[in-house]
Amino acid sequence: MMPVDKLGWSHDRIYDHFGDGKSVYETVVELLMEKIRPVDLPALEIVCLGSRIYSISNRRLLAFKTFQLVLRRLKSEDSEVLVPVMLKRPTGDFFRRVGIALSTDTLGRSVGVSGPSGMSFRS
């Protein structure tokens, strides 16, 4: 388990729906309503590059970071969300196998989010 604050984005832009069509924000609501817990979701795949830790699972990372933001506004500024992680070796084979390229231009500090409406914002 790792604090979600320690994780950066591996992409500079992501889509706000999962591959099955479910909205990331629907997952946030389920977390807030305690229908699911962070440990009920698949572990975030992470890679360490230099001193930074990047999540390869950017949509789940968006759900967890949004969940933590809401908790901090509603409950306590000290609220910390711990998420399950799985460390991956940042080898060329791994990146080719999952079709991932590190595309962040902010060292993982922010990400652009777009949805089916075509609207987008930066987090």
PDB file of N, CA and C in Angstrom:
ATOM      1  N   MET A   1       0.860  -1.178   0.000  1.00  0.00           N
ATOM      2  CA  MET A   1       0.000   0.000   0.000  1.00  0.00           C
ATOM      3  C   MET A   1       0.900   1.233   0.000  1.00  0.00           C
ATOM      4  N   MET A   2       0.455   2.254  -0.708  1.00  0.00           N
ATOM      5  CA  MET A   2       1.251   3.465  -0.829  1.00  0.00           C
ATOM      6  C   MET A   2       0.322   4.678  -0.819  1.00  0.00           C
ATOM      7  N   PRO A   3       0.748   5.787  -0.203  1.00  0.00           N
ATOM      8  CA  PRO A   3      -0.065   7.008  -0.255  1.00  0.00           C
ATOM      9  C   PRO A   3      -0.206   7.483  -1.703  1.00  0.00           C
ATOM     10  N   VAL A   4      -1.421   7.795  -2.094  1.00  0.00           N
ATOM     11  CA  VAL A   4      -1.679   8.209  -3.468  1.00  0.00           C
ATOM     12  C   VAL A   4      -0.918   9.494  -3.820  1.00  0.00           C
ATOM     13  N   ASP A   5      -0.610  10.322  -2.820  1.00  0.00           N
ATOM     14  CA  ASP A   5       0.152  11.551  -3.063  1.00  0.00           C
ATOM     15  C   ASP A   5       1.551  11.289  -3.599  1.00  0.00           C
ATOM     16  N   LYS A   6       2.085  10.117  -3.355  1.00  0.00           N
ATOM     17  CA  LYS A   6       3.454   9.796  -3.780  1.00  0.00           C
ATOM     18  C   LYS A   6       3.542   9.420  -5.253  1.00  0.00           C
ATOM     19  N   LEU A   7       2.386   9.243  -5.903  1.00  0.00           N
ATOM     20  CA  LEU A   7       2.359   8.736  -7.271  1.00  0.00           C
ATOM     21  C   LEU A   7       2.133   9.843  -8.287  1.00  0.00           C
ATOM     22  N   GLY A   8       2.894   9.783  -9.374  1.00  0.00           N
ATOM     23  CA  GLY A   8       2.748  10.748 -10.459  1.00  0.00           C
ATOM     24  C   GLY A   8       2.107  10.103 -11.677  1.00  0.00           C
ATOM     25  N   TRP A   9       1.685  10.956 -12.594  1.00  0.00           N
ATOM     26  CA  TRP A   9       1.044  10.517 -13.838  1.00  0.00           C
ATOM     27  C   TRP A   9       2.113  10.116 -14.852  1.00  0.00           C
ATOM     28  N   SER A  10       1.902   9.037 -15.569  1.00  0.00           N
ATOM     29  CA  SER A  10       2.849   8.644 -16.615  1.00  0.00           C
ATOM     30  C   SER A  10       2.481   9.247 -17.969  1.00  0.00           C
ATOM     31  N   HIS A  11       1.264   9.737 -18.097  1.00  0.00           N
ATOM     32  CA  HIS A  11       0.819  10.349 -19.353  1.00  0.00           C
ATOM     33  C   HIS A  11       0.539  11.829 -19.147  1.00  0.00           C
ATOM     34  N   ASP A  12       0.514  12.568 -20.233  1.00  0.00           N
ATOM     35  CA  ASP A  12       0.157  13.981 -20.128  1.00  0.00           C
ATOM     36  C   ASP A  12      -1.338  14.194 -20.342  1.00  0.00           C
ATOM     37  N   ARG A  13      -2.055  13.184 -20.877  1.00  0.00           N
ATOM     38  CA  ARG A  13      -3.493  13.290 -21.125  1.00  0.00           C
ATOM     39  C   ARG A  13      -4.124  11.909 -20.983  1.00  0.00           C
ATOM     40  N   ILE A  14      -5.296  11.867 -20.332  1.00  0.00           N
ATOM     41  CA  ILE A  14      -6.025  10.604 -20.188  1.00  0.00           C
ATOM     42  C   ILE A  14      -7.513  10.821 -20.471  1.00  0.00           C
ATOM     43  N   TYR A  15      -8.207   9.742 -20.718  1.00  0.00           N
ATOM     44  CA  TYR A  15      -9.648   9.733 -20.944  1.00  0.00           C
ATOM     45  C   TYR A  15     -10.321   9.383 -19.619  1.00  0.00           C
ATOM     46  N   ASP A  16     -11.489   9.988 -19.320  1.00  0.00           N
ATOM     47  CA  ASP A  16     -12.111   9.803 -18.001  1.00  0.00           C
ATOM     48  C   ASP A  16     -13.065   8.609 -17.899  1.00  0.00           C
ATOM     49  N   HIS A  17     -12.973   7.688 -18.828  1.00  0.00           N
ATOM     50  CA  HIS A  17     -13.752   6.453 -18.761  1.00  0.00           C
ATOM     51  C   HIS A  17     -12.800   5.269 -18.900  1.00  0.00           C
ATOM     52  N   PHE A  18     -13.115   4.202 -18.175  1.00  0.00           N
ATOM     53  CA  PHE A  18     -12.334   2.982 -18.275  1.00  0.00           C
ATOM     54  C   PHE A  18     -12.662   2.268 -19.586  1.00  0.00           C
ATOM     55  N   GLY A  19     -11.892   1.254 -19.907  1.00  0.00           N
ATOM     56  CA  GLY A  19     -12.098   0.499 -21.136  1.00  0.00           C
ATOM     57  C   GLY A  19     -13.476  -0.132 -21.248  1.00  0.00           C
ATOM     58  N   ASP A  20     -14.111  -0.432 -20.099  1.00  0.00           N
ATOM     59  CA  ASP A  20     -15.448  -1.038 -20.117  1.00  0.00           C
ATOM     60  C   ASP A  20     -16.559   0.000 -20.225  1.00  0.00           C
ATOM     61  N   GLY A  21     -16.187   1.298 -20.355  1.00  0.00           N
ATOM     62  CA  GLY A  21     -17.169   2.369 -20.500  1.00  0.00           C
ATOM     63  C   GLY A  21     -17.573   3.039 -19.202  1.00  0.00           C
ATOM     64  N   LYS A  22     -17.171   2.493 -18.068  1.00  0.00           N
ATOM     65  CA  LYS A  22     -17.527   3.069 -16.765  1.00  0.00           C
ATOM     66  C   LYS A  22     -16.737   4.354 -16.526  1.00  0.00           C
ATOM     67  N   SER A  23     -17.416   5.357 -15.990  1.00  0.00           N
ATOM     68  CA  SER A  23     -16.777   6.626 -15.688  1.00  0.00           C
ATOM     69  C   SER A  23     -15.863   6.509 -14.469  1.00  0.00           C
ATOM     70  N   VAL A  24     -14.724   7.168 -14.543  1.00  0.00           N
ATOM     71  CA  VAL A  24     -13.823   7.251 -13.391  1.00  0.00           C
ATOM     72  C   VAL A  24     -14.567   7.856 -12.205  1.00  0.00           C
ATOM     73  N   TYR A  25     -15.426   8.835 -12.470  1.00  0.00           N
ATOM     74  CA  TYR A  25     -16.128   9.538 -11.397  1.00  0.00           C
ATOM     75  C   TYR A  25     -17.191   8.663 -10.736  1.00  0.00           C
ATOM     76  N   GLU A  26     -17.729   7.697 -11.468  1.00  0.00           N
ATOM     77  CA  GLU A  26     -18.635   6.720 -10.863  1.00  0.00           C
ATOM     78  C   GLU A  26     -17.870   5.897  -9.819  1.00  0.00           C
ATOM     79  N   THR A  27     -16.637   5.575 -10.120  1.00  0.00           N
ATOM     80  CA  THR A  27     -15.789   4.860  -9.160  1.00  0.00           C
ATOM     81  C   THR A  27     -15.535   5.721  -7.929  1.00  0.00           C
ATOM     82  N   VAL A  28     -15.316   7.021  -8.126  1.00  0.00           N
ATOM     83  CA  VAL A  28     -15.112   7.937  -6.994  1.00  0.00           C
ATOM     84  C   VAL A  28     -16.340   7.925  -6.087  1.00  0.00           C
ATOM     85  N   VAL A  29     -17.528   7.990  -6.670  1.00  0.00           N
ATOM     86  CA  VAL A  29     -18.764   7.973  -5.882  1.00  0.00           C
ATOM     87  C   VAL A  29     -18.873   6.660  -5.107  1.00  0.00           C
ATOM     88  N   GLU A  30     -18.555   5.546  -5.746  1.00  0.00           N
ATOM     89  CA  GLU A  30     -18.602   4.251  -5.051  1.00  0.00           C
ATOM     90  C   GLU A  30     -17.622   4.219  -3.878  1.00  0.00           C
ATOM     91  N   LEU A  31     -16.450   4.819  -4.047  1.00  0.00           N
ATOM     92  CA  LEU A  31     -15.484   4.904  -2.945  1.00  0.00           C
ATOM     93  C   LEU A  31     -16.033   5.774  -1.819  1.00  0.00           C
ATOM     94  N   LEU A  32     -16.622   6.906  -2.164  1.00  0.00           N
ATOM     95  CA  LEU A  32     -17.169   7.816  -1.152  1.00  0.00           C
ATOM     96  C   LEU A  32     -18.326   7.183  -0.387  1.00  0.00           C
ATOM     97  N   MET A  33     -19.144   6.407  -1.088  1.00  0.00           N
ATOM     98  CA  MET A  33     -20.294   5.759  -0.456  1.00  0.00           C
ATOM     99  C   MET A  33     -19.896   4.453   0.238  1.00  0.00           C
ATOM    100  N   GLU A  34     -18.611   4.130   0.181  1.00  0.00           N
ATOM    101  CA  GLU A  34     -18.058   2.920   0.791  1.00  0.00           C
ATOM    102  C   GLU A  34     -18.658   1.638   0.215  1.00  0.00           C
ATOM    103  N   LYS A  35     -19.095   1.707  -1.055  1.00  0.00           N
ATOM    104  CA  LYS A  35     -19.534   0.494  -1.746  1.00  0.00           C
ATOM    105  C   LYS A  35     -18.324  -0.347  -2.130  1.00  0.00           C
ATOM    106  N   ILE A  36     -17.204   0.345  -2.372  1.00  0.00           N
ATOM    107  CA  ILE A  36     -15.935  -0.327  -2.637  1.00  0.00           C
ATOM    108  C   ILE A  36     -14.847   0.384  -1.837  1.00  0.00           C
ATOM    109  N   ARG A  37     -13.740  -0.313  -1.651  1.00  0.00           N
ATOM    110  CA  ARG A  37     -12.570   0.258  -0.973  1.00  0.00           C
ATOM    111  C   ARG A  37     -11.401   0.231  -1.958  1.00  0.00           C
ATOM    112  N   PRO A  38     -10.383   1.035  -1.728  1.00  0.00           N
ATOM    113  CA  PRO A  38      -9.232   1.003  -2.641  1.00  0.00           C
ATOM    114  C   PRO A  38      -8.679  -0.404  -2.868  1.00  0.00           C
ATOM    115  N   VAL A  39      -8.670  -1.236  -1.827  1.00  0.00           N
ATOM    116  CA  VAL A  39      -8.127  -2.596  -1.978  1.00  0.00           C
ATOM    117  C   VAL A  39      -9.018  -3.503  -2.821  1.00  0.00           C
ATOM    118  N   ASP A  40     -10.252  -3.083  -3.085  1.00  0.00           N
ATOM    119  CA  ASP A  40     -11.144  -3.875  -3.924  1.00  0.00           C
ATOM    120  C   ASP A  40     -10.837  -3.708  -5.411  1.00  0.00           C
ATOM    121  N   LEU A  41     -10.069  -2.686  -5.749  1.00  0.00           N
ATOM    122  CA  LEU A  41      -9.714  -2.424  -7.142  1.00  0.00           C
ATOM    123  C   LEU A  41      -8.351  -3.037  -7.441  1.00  0.00           C
ATOM    124  N   PRO A  42      -8.080  -3.323  -8.710  1.00  0.00           N
ATOM    125  CA  PRO A  42      -6.756  -3.871  -9.044  1.00  0.00           C
ATOM    126  C   PRO A  42      -5.639  -2.914  -8.614  1.00  0.00           C
ATOM    127  N   ALA A  43      -4.512  -3.478  -8.241  1.00  0.00           N
ATOM    128  CA  ALA A  43      -3.362  -2.666  -7.829  1.00  0.00           C
ATOM    129  C   ALA A  43      -2.911  -1.770  -8.982  1.00  0.00           C
ATOM    130  N   LEU A  44      -2.476  -0.569  -8.629  1.00  0.00           N
ATOM    131  CA  LEU A  44      -1.900   0.331  -9.622  1.00  0.00           C
ATOM    132  C   LEU A  44      -0.529  -0.199 -10.015  1.00  0.00           C
ATOM    133  N   GLU A  45      -0.280  -0.307 -11.305  1.00  0.00           N
ATOM    134  CA  GLU A  45       1.061  -0.672 -11.756  1.00  0.00           C
ATOM    135  C   GLU A  45       1.913   0.585 -11.707  1.00  0.00           C
ATOM    136  N   ILE A  46       3.060   0.499 -11.035  1.00  0.00           N
ATOM    137  CA  ILE A  46       3.924   1.664 -10.891  1.00  0.00           C
ATOM    138  C   ILE A  46       5.338   1.331 -11.362  1.00  0.00           C
ATOM    139  N   VAL A  47       6.051   2.377 -11.779  1.00  0.00           N
ATOM    140  CA  VAL A  47       7.466   2.256 -12.120  1.00  0.00           C
ATOM    141  C   VAL A  47       8.215   3.377 -11.418  1.00  0.00           C
ATOM    142  N   CYS A  48       9.436   3.089 -11.010  1.00  0.00           N
ATOM    143  CA  CYS A  48      10.311   4.097 -10.406  1.00  0.00           C
ATOM    144  C   CYS A  48      11.344   4.493 -11.449  1.00  0.00           C
ATOM    145  N   LEU A  49      11.391   5.770 -11.746  1.00  0.00           N
ATOM    146  CA  LEU A  49      12.373   6.306 -12.682  1.00  0.00           C
ATOM    147  C   LEU A  49      13.083   7.450 -11.981  1.00  0.00           C
ATOM    148  N   GLY A  50      14.347   7.245 -11.671  1.00  0.00           N
ATOM    149  CA  GLY A  50      15.064   8.234 -10.875  1.00  0.00           C
ATOM    150  C   GLY A  50      14.442   8.296  -9.494  1.00  0.00           C
ATOM    151  N   SER A  51      14.150   9.499  -9.043  1.00  0.00           N
ATOM    152  CA  SER A  51      13.556   9.669  -7.709  1.00  0.00           C
ATOM    153  C   SER A  51      12.035   9.762  -7.764  1.00  0.00           C
ATOM    154  N   ARG A  52      11.449   9.571  -8.933  1.00  0.00           N
ATOM    155  CA  ARG A  52      10.006   9.727  -9.090  1.00  0.00           C
ATOM    156  C   ARG A  52       9.330   8.367  -9.259  1.00  0.00           C
ATOM    157  N   ILE A  53       8.069   8.305  -8.803  1.00  0.00           N
ATOM    158  CA  ILE A  53       7.259   7.091  -8.946  1.00  0.00           C
ATOM    159  C   ILE A  53       6.072   7.443  -9.833  1.00  0.00           C
ATOM    160  N   TYR A  54       5.930   6.711 -10.926  1.00  0.00           N
ATOM    161  CA  TYR A  54       4.856   6.964 -11.883  1.00  0.00           C
ATOM    162  C   TYR A  54       3.870   5.808 -11.887  1.00  0.00           C
ATOM    163  N   SER A  55       2.592   6.147 -11.982  1.00  0.00           N
ATOM    164  CA  SER A  55       1.557   5.132 -12.132  1.00  0.00           C
ATOM    165  C   SER A  55       1.329   4.894 -13.617  1.00  0.00           C
ATOM    166  N   ILE A  56       1.282   3.645 -13.999  1.00  0.00           N
ATOM    167  CA  ILE A  56       0.914   3.280 -15.363  1.00  0.00           C
ATOM    168  C   ILE A  56      -0.612   3.213 -15.463  1.00  0.00           C
ATOM    169  N   SER A  57      -1.280   3.069 -14.329  1.00  0.00           N
ATOM    170  CA  SER A  57      -2.742   2.934 -14.249  1.00  0.00           C
ATOM    171  C   SER A  57      -3.356   4.310 -13.990  1.00  0.00           C
ATOM    172  N   ASN A  58      -3.300   5.170 -14.996  1.00  0.00           N
ATOM    173  CA  ASN A  58      -3.647   6.575 -14.793  1.00  0.00           C
ATOM    174  C   ASN A  58      -5.115   6.836 -14.480  1.00  0.00           C
ATOM    175  N   ARG A  59      -6.040   6.078 -15.049  1.00  0.00           N
ATOM    176  CA  ARG A  59      -7.460   6.329 -14.752  1.00  0.00           C
ATOM    177  C   ARG A  59      -7.807   5.937 -13.322  1.00  0.00           C
ATOM    178  N   ARG A  60      -7.267   4.817 -12.849  1.00  0.00           N
ATOM    179  CA  ARG A  60      -7.486   4.465 -11.443  1.00  0.00           C
ATOM    180  C   ARG A  60      -6.806   5.475 -10.532  1.00  0.00           C
ATOM    181  N   LEU A  61      -5.643   5.969 -10.948  1.00  0.00           N
ATOM    182  CA  LEU A  61      -4.962   7.007 -10.170  1.00  0.00           C
ATOM    183  C   LEU A  61      -5.837   8.254 -10.084  1.00  0.00           C
ATOM    184  N   LEU A  62      -6.500   8.630 -11.184  1.00  0.00           N
ATOM    185  CA  LEU A  62      -7.416   9.776 -11.163  1.00  0.00           C
ATOM    186  C   LEU A  62      -8.545   9.534 -10.166  1.00  0.00           C
ATOM    187  N   ALA A  63      -9.107   8.331 -10.163  1.00  0.00           N
ATOM    188  CA  ALA A  63     -10.183   8.020  -9.214  1.00  0.00           C
ATOM    189  C   ALA A  63      -9.692   8.157  -7.775  1.00  0.00           C
ATOM    190  N   PHE A  64      -8.528   7.612  -7.474  1.00  0.00           N
ATOM    191  CA  PHE A  64      -7.998   7.674  -6.106  1.00  0.00           C
ATOM    192  C   PHE A  64      -7.624   9.095  -5.696  1.00  0.00           C
ATOM    193  N   LYS A  65      -7.008   9.854  -6.591  1.00  0.00           N
ATOM    194  CA  LYS A  65      -6.621  11.233  -6.251  1.00  0.00           C
ATOM    195  C   LYS A  65      -7.866  12.107  -6.058  1.00  0.00           C
ATOM    196  N   THR A  66      -8.898  11.891  -6.881  1.00  0.00           N
ATOM    197  CA  THR A  66     -10.144  12.645  -6.731  1.00  0.00           C
ATOM    198  C   THR A  66     -10.830  12.261  -5.426  1.00  0.00           C
ATOM    199  N   PHE A  67     -10.859  10.982  -5.114  1.00  0.00           N
ATOM    200  CA  PHE A  67     -11.418  10.489  -3.852  1.00  0.00           C
ATOM    201  C   PHE A  67     -10.721  11.164  -2.671  1.00  0.00           C
ATOM    202  N   GLN A  68      -9.407  11.204  -2.689  1.00  0.00           N
ATOM    203  CA  GLN A  68      -8.665  11.837  -1.599  1.00  0.00           C
ATOM    204  C   GLN A  68      -8.965  13.332  -1.515  1.00  0.00           C
ATOM    205  N   LEU A  69      -9.058  13.998  -2.649  1.00  0.00           N
ATOM    206  CA  LEU A  69      -9.369  15.431  -2.667  1.00  0.00           C
ATOM    207  C   LEU A  69     -10.720  15.700  -2.005  1.00  0.00           C
ATOM    208  N   VAL A  70     -11.721  14.892  -2.331  1.00  0.00           N
ATOM    209  CA  VAL A  70     -13.051  15.060  -1.734  1.00  0.00           C
ATOM    210  C   VAL A  70     -12.996  14.778  -0.233  1.00  0.00           C
ATOM    211  N   LEU A  71     -12.308  13.723   0.172  1.00  0.00           N
ATOM    212  CA  LEU A  71     -12.180  13.424   1.606  1.00  0.00           C
ATOM    213  C   LEU A  71     -11.535  14.582   2.357  1.00  0.00           C
ATOM    214  N   ARG A  72     -10.528  15.182   1.766  1.00  0.00           N
ATOM    215  CA  ARG A  72      -9.842  16.298   2.425  1.00  0.00           C
ATOM    216  C   ARG A  72     -10.748  17.518   2.554  1.00  0.00           C
ATOM    217  N   ARG A  73     -11.640  17.691   1.607  1.00  0.00           N
ATOM    218  CA  ARG A  73     -12.572  18.825   1.686  1.00  0.00           C
ATOM    219  C   ARG A  73     -13.711  18.549   2.655  1.00  0.00           C
ATOM    220  N   LEU A  74     -14.174  17.308   2.715  1.00  0.00           N
ATOM    221  CA  LEU A  74     -15.324  16.967   3.552  1.00  0.00           C
ATOM    222  C   LEU A  74     -14.956  16.583   4.980  1.00  0.00           C
ATOM    223  N   LYS A  75     -13.823  15.921   5.157  1.00  0.00           N
ATOM    224  CA  LYS A  75     -13.474  15.388   6.475  1.00  0.00           C
ATOM    225  C   LYS A  75     -12.309  16.124   7.106  1.00  0.00           C
ATOM    226  N   SER A  76     -11.133  15.942   6.560  1.00  0.00           N
ATOM    227  CA  SER A  76      -9.928  16.498   7.177  1.00  0.00           C
ATOM    228  C   SER A  76      -8.848  16.700   6.124  1.00  0.00           C
ATOM    229  N   GLU A  77      -8.130  17.800   6.238  1.00  0.00           N
ATOM    230  CA  GLU A  77      -7.002  18.061   5.341  1.00  0.00           C
ATOM    231  C   GLU A  77      -5.941  16.973   5.454  1.00  0.00           C
ATOM    232  N   ASP A  78      -5.960  16.241   6.562  1.00  0.00           N
ATOM    233  CA  ASP A  78      -4.964  15.193   6.793  1.00  0.00           C
ATOM    234  C   ASP A  78      -5.374  13.838   6.217  1.00  0.00           C
ATOM    235  N   SER A  79      -6.555  13.760   5.606  1.00  0.00           N
ATOM    236  CA  SER A  79      -6.998  12.481   5.045  1.00  0.00           C
ATOM    237  C   SER A  79      -5.969  11.976   4.036  1.00  0.00           C
ATOM    238  N   GLU A  80      -5.607  10.708   4.189  1.00  0.00           N
ATOM    239  CA  GLU A  80      -4.620  10.108   3.287  1.00  0.00           C
ATOM    240  C   GLU A  80      -5.183   8.800   2.754  1.00  0.00           C
ATOM    241  N   VAL A  81      -5.213   8.675   1.450  1.00  0.00           N
ATOM    242  CA  VAL A  81      -5.698   7.459   0.817  1.00  0.00           C
ATOM    243  C   VAL A  81      -4.498   6.582   0.477  1.00  0.00           C
ATOM    244  N   LEU A  82      -4.523   5.359   0.994  1.00  0.00           N
ATOM    245  CA  LEU A  82      -3.499   4.369   0.677  1.00  0.00           C
ATOM    246  C   LEU A  82      -4.051   3.446  -0.394  1.00  0.00           C
ATOM    247  N   VAL A  83      -3.254   3.196  -1.414  1.00  0.00           N
ATOM    248  CA  VAL A  83      -3.721   2.395  -2.545  1.00  0.00           C
ATOM    249  C   VAL A  83      -2.796   1.204  -2.770  1.00  0.00           C
ATOM    250  N   PRO A  84      -3.369   0.106  -3.269  1.00  0.00           N
ATOM    251  CA  PRO A  84      -2.531  -1.051  -3.583  1.00  0.00           C
ATOM    252  C   PRO A  84      -1.697  -0.766  -4.835  1.00  0.00           C
ATOM    253  N   VAL A  85      -0.439  -1.166  -4.802  1.00  0.00           N
ATOM    254  CA  VAL A  85       0.451  -0.948  -5.947  1.00  0.00           C
ATOM    255  C   VAL A  85       1.199  -2.233  -6.277  1.00  0.00           C
ATOM    256  N   MET A  86       1.629  -2.315  -7.530  1.00  0.00           N
ATOM    257  CA  MET A  86       2.460  -3.418  -7.992  1.00  0.00           C
ATOM    258  C   MET A  86       3.629  -2.800  -8.756  1.00  0.00           C
ATOM    259  N   LEU A  87       4.830  -2.955  -8.220  1.00  0.00           N
ATOM    260  CA  LEU A  87       6.016  -2.383  -8.838  1.00  0.00           C
ATOM    261  C   LEU A  87       6.395  -3.173 -10.083  1.00  0.00           C
ATOM    262  N   LYS A  88       6.567  -2.457 -11.190  1.00  0.00           N
ATOM    263  CA  LYS A  88       6.993  -3.064 -12.453  1.00  0.00           C
ATOM    264  C   LYS A  88       8.385  -2.557 -12.791  1.00  0.00           C
ATOM    265  N   ARG A  89       9.163  -3.389 -13.426  1.00  0.00           N
ATOM    266  CA  ARG A  89      10.487  -2.963 -13.866  1.00  0.00           C
ATOM    267  C   ARG A  89      10.322  -2.152 -15.152  1.00  0.00           C
ATOM    268  N   PRO A  90      10.926  -0.973 -15.217  1.00  0.00           N
ATOM    269  CA  PRO A  90      10.749  -0.108 -16.397  1.00  0.00           C
ATOM    270  C   PRO A  90      11.613  -0.549 -17.569  1.00  0.00           C
ATOM    271  N   THR A  91      11.398  -1.772 -18.035  1.00  0.00           N
ATOM    272  CA  THR A  91      12.174  -2.287 -19.160  1.00  0.00           C
ATOM    273  C   THR A  91      11.452  -1.994 -20.464  1.00  0.00           C
ATOM    274  N   GLY A  92      12.187  -2.009 -21.540  1.00  0.00           N
ATOM    275  CA  GLY A  92      11.581  -1.804 -22.853  1.00  0.00           C
ATOM    276  C   GLY A  92      10.511  -2.828 -23.148  1.00  0.00           C
ATOM    277  N   ASP A  93      10.758  -4.097 -22.736  1.00  0.00           N
ATOM    278  CA  ASP A  93       9.777  -5.155 -22.976  1.00  0.00           C
ATOM    279  C   ASP A  93       8.457  -4.864 -22.274  1.00  0.00           C
ATOM    280  N   PHE A  94       8.531  -4.374 -21.035  1.00  0.00           N
ATOM    281  CA  PHE A  94       7.307  -4.056 -20.297  1.00  0.00           C
ATOM    282  C   PHE A  94       6.524  -2.964 -21.015  1.00  0.00           C
ATOM    283  N   PHE A  95       7.206  -1.884 -21.400  1.00  0.00           N
ATOM    284  CA  PHE A  95       6.512  -0.782 -22.062  1.00  0.00           C
ATOM    285  C   PHE A  95       5.937  -1.217 -23.407  1.00  0.00           C
ATOM    286  N   ARG A  96       6.639  -2.049 -24.155  1.00  0.00           N
ATOM    287  CA  ARG A  96       6.108  -2.539 -25.431  1.00  0.00           C
ATOM    288  C   ARG A  96       4.921  -3.464 -25.201  1.00  0.00           C
ATOM    289  N   ARG A  97       5.020  -4.316 -24.186  1.00  0.00           N
ATOM    290  CA  ARG A  97       3.952  -5.292 -23.927  1.00  0.00           C
ATOM    291  C   ARG A  97       2.629  -4.615 -23.606  1.00  0.00           C
ATOM    292  N   VAL A  98       2.654  -3.564 -22.822  1.00  0.00           N
ATOM    293  CA  VAL A  98       1.403  -2.906 -22.440  1.00  0.00           C
ATOM    294  C   VAL A  98       1.101  -1.682 -23.297  1.00  0.00           C
ATOM    295  N   GLY A  99       1.952  -1.387 -24.258  1.00  0.00           N
ATOM    296  CA  GLY A  99       1.688  -0.270 -25.158  1.00  0.00           C
ATOM    297  C   GLY A  99       1.761   1.082 -24.475  1.00  0.00           C
ATOM    298  N   ILE A 100       2.654   1.220 -23.505  1.00  0.00           N
ATOM    299  CA  ILE A 100       2.744   2.451 -22.729  1.00  0.00           C
ATOM    300  C   ILE A 100       4.034   3.173 -23.078  1.00  0.00           C
ATOM    301  N   ALA A 101       3.953   4.482 -23.189  1.00  0.00           N
ATOM    302  CA  ALA A 101       5.151   5.315 -23.306  1.00  0.00           C
ATOM    303  C   ALA A 101       5.005   6.431 -22.286  1.00  0.00           C
ATOM    304  N   LEU A 102       6.059   6.734 -21.617  1.00  0.00           N
ATOM    305  CA  LEU A 102       6.032   7.808 -20.630  1.00  0.00           C
ATOM    306  C   LEU A 102       5.879   9.122 -21.388  1.00  0.00           C
ATOM    307  N   SER A 103       4.682   9.708 -21.341  1.00  0.00           N
ATOM    308  CA  SER A 103       4.416  10.911 -22.129  1.00  0.00           C
ATOM    309  C   SER A 103       4.205  12.155 -21.281  1.00  0.00           C
ATOM    310  N   THR A 104       4.411  12.063 -19.971  1.00  0.00           N
ATOM    311  CA  THR A 104       4.210  13.235 -19.128  1.00  0.00           C
ATOM    312  C   THR A 104       5.231  14.311 -19.472  1.00  0.00           C
ATOM    313  N   ASP A 105       4.761  15.543 -19.531  1.00  0.00           N
ATOM    314  CA  ASP A 105       5.676  16.666 -19.753  1.00  0.00           C
ATOM    315  C   ASP A 105       5.774  17.532 -18.496  1.00  0.00           C
ATOM    316  N   THR A 106       5.238  17.020 -17.374  1.00  0.00           N
ATOM    317  CA  THR A 106       5.247  17.763 -16.103  1.00  0.00           C
ATOM    318  C   THR A 106       5.899  16.955 -14.984  1.00  0.00           C
ATOM    319  N   LEU A 107       6.698  15.964 -15.345  1.00  0.00           N
ATOM    320  CA  LEU A 107       7.294  15.044 -14.362  1.00  0.00           C
ATOM    321  C   LEU A 107       6.225  14.340 -13.530  1.00  0.00           C
ATOM    322  N   GLY A 108       5.053  14.132 -14.121  1.00  0.00           N
ATOM    323  CA  GLY A 108       3.982  13.408 -13.450  1.00  0.00           C
ATOM    324  C   GLY A 108       3.147  14.229 -12.499  1.00  0.00           C
ATOM    325  N   ARG A 109       3.348  15.559 -12.469  1.00  0.00           N
ATOM    326  CA  ARG A 109       2.641  16.403 -11.496  1.00  0.00           C
ATOM    327  C   ARG A 109       1.209  16.743 -11.903  1.00  0.00           C
ATOM    328  N   SER A 110       0.906  16.701 -13.191  1.00  0.00           N
ATOM    329  CA  SER A 110      -0.454  17.014 -13.629  1.00  0.00           C
ATOM    330  C   SER A 110      -0.783  16.199 -14.869  1.00  0.00           C
ATOM    331  N   VAL A 111      -2.073  16.161 -15.175  1.00  0.00           N
ATOM    332  CA  VAL A 111      -2.544  15.397 -16.322  1.00  0.00           C
ATOM    333  C   VAL A 111      -3.741  16.124 -16.922  1.00  0.00           C
ATOM    334  N   GLY A 112      -3.876  16.069 -18.226  1.00  0.00           N
ATOM    335  CA  GLY A 112      -5.074  16.565 -18.891  1.00  0.00           C
ATOM    336  C   GLY A 112      -6.100  15.449 -18.911  1.00  0.00           C
ATOM    337  N   VAL A 113      -7.358  15.794 -18.658  1.00  0.00           N
ATOM    338  CA  VAL A 113      -8.428  14.791 -18.619  1.00  0.00           C
ATOM    339  C   VAL A 113      -9.492  15.195 -19.619  1.00  0.00           C
ATOM    340  N   SER A 114      -9.901  14.262 -20.459  1.00  0.00           N
ATOM    341  CA  SER A 114     -10.974  14.539 -21.408  1.00  0.00           C
ATOM    342  C   SER A 114     -12.034  13.456 -21.286  1.00  0.00           C
ATOM    343  N   GLY A 115     -13.240  13.799 -21.728  1.00  0.00           N
ATOM    344  CA  GLY A 115     -14.356  12.870 -21.634  1.00  0.00           C
ATOM    345  C   GLY A 115     -15.090  12.761 -22.947  1.00  0.00           C
ATOM    346  N   PRO A 116     -16.192  12.023 -22.955  1.00  0.00           N
ATOM    347  CA  PRO A 116     -16.935  11.797 -24.187  1.00  0.00           C
ATOM    348  C   PRO A 116     -17.513  13.073 -24.785  1.00  0.00           C
ATOM    349  N   SER A 117     -17.702  14.093 -23.963  1.00  0.00           N
ATOM    350  CA  SER A 117     -18.244  15.351 -24.476  1.00  0.00           C
ATOM    351  C   SER A 117     -17.199  16.145 -25.240  1.00  0.00           C
ATOM    352  N   GLY A 118     -15.938  15.733 -25.124  1.00  0.00           N
ATOM    353  CA  GLY A 118     -14.862  16.472 -25.761  1.00  0.00           C
ATOM    354  C   GLY A 118     -14.271  17.544 -24.870  1.00  0.00           C
ATOM    355  N   MET A 119     -14.937  17.816 -23.726  1.00  0.00           N
ATOM    356  CA  MET A 119     -14.398  18.798 -22.790  1.00  0.00           C
ATOM    357  C   MET A 119     -13.146  18.229 -22.144  1.00  0.00           C
ATOM    358  N   SER A 120     -12.227  19.110 -21.771  1.00  0.00           N
ATOM    359  CA  SER A 120     -11.029  18.639 -21.088  1.00  0.00           C
ATOM    360  C   SER A 120     -10.593  19.652 -20.046  1.00  0.00           C
ATOM    361  N   PHE A 121      -9.824  19.191 -19.077  1.00  0.00           N
ATOM    362  CA  PHE A 121      -9.261  20.069 -18.056  1.00  0.00           C
ATOM    363  C   PHE A 121      -7.945  19.480 -17.597  1.00  0.00           C
ATOM    364  N   ARG A 122      -7.201  20.275 -16.841  1.00  0.00           N
ATOM    365  CA  ARG A 122      -5.919  19.819 -16.283  1.00  0.00           C
ATOM    366  C   ARG A 122      -6.051  19.625 -14.800  1.00  0.00           C
ATOM    367  N   SER A 123      -5.521  18.517 -14.319  1.00  0.00           N
ATOM    368  CA  SER A 123      -5.552  18.208 -12.891  1.00  0.00           C
ATOM    369  C   SER A 123      -4.164  18.385 -12.328  1.00  0.00           C
TER     370      SER A 123
END
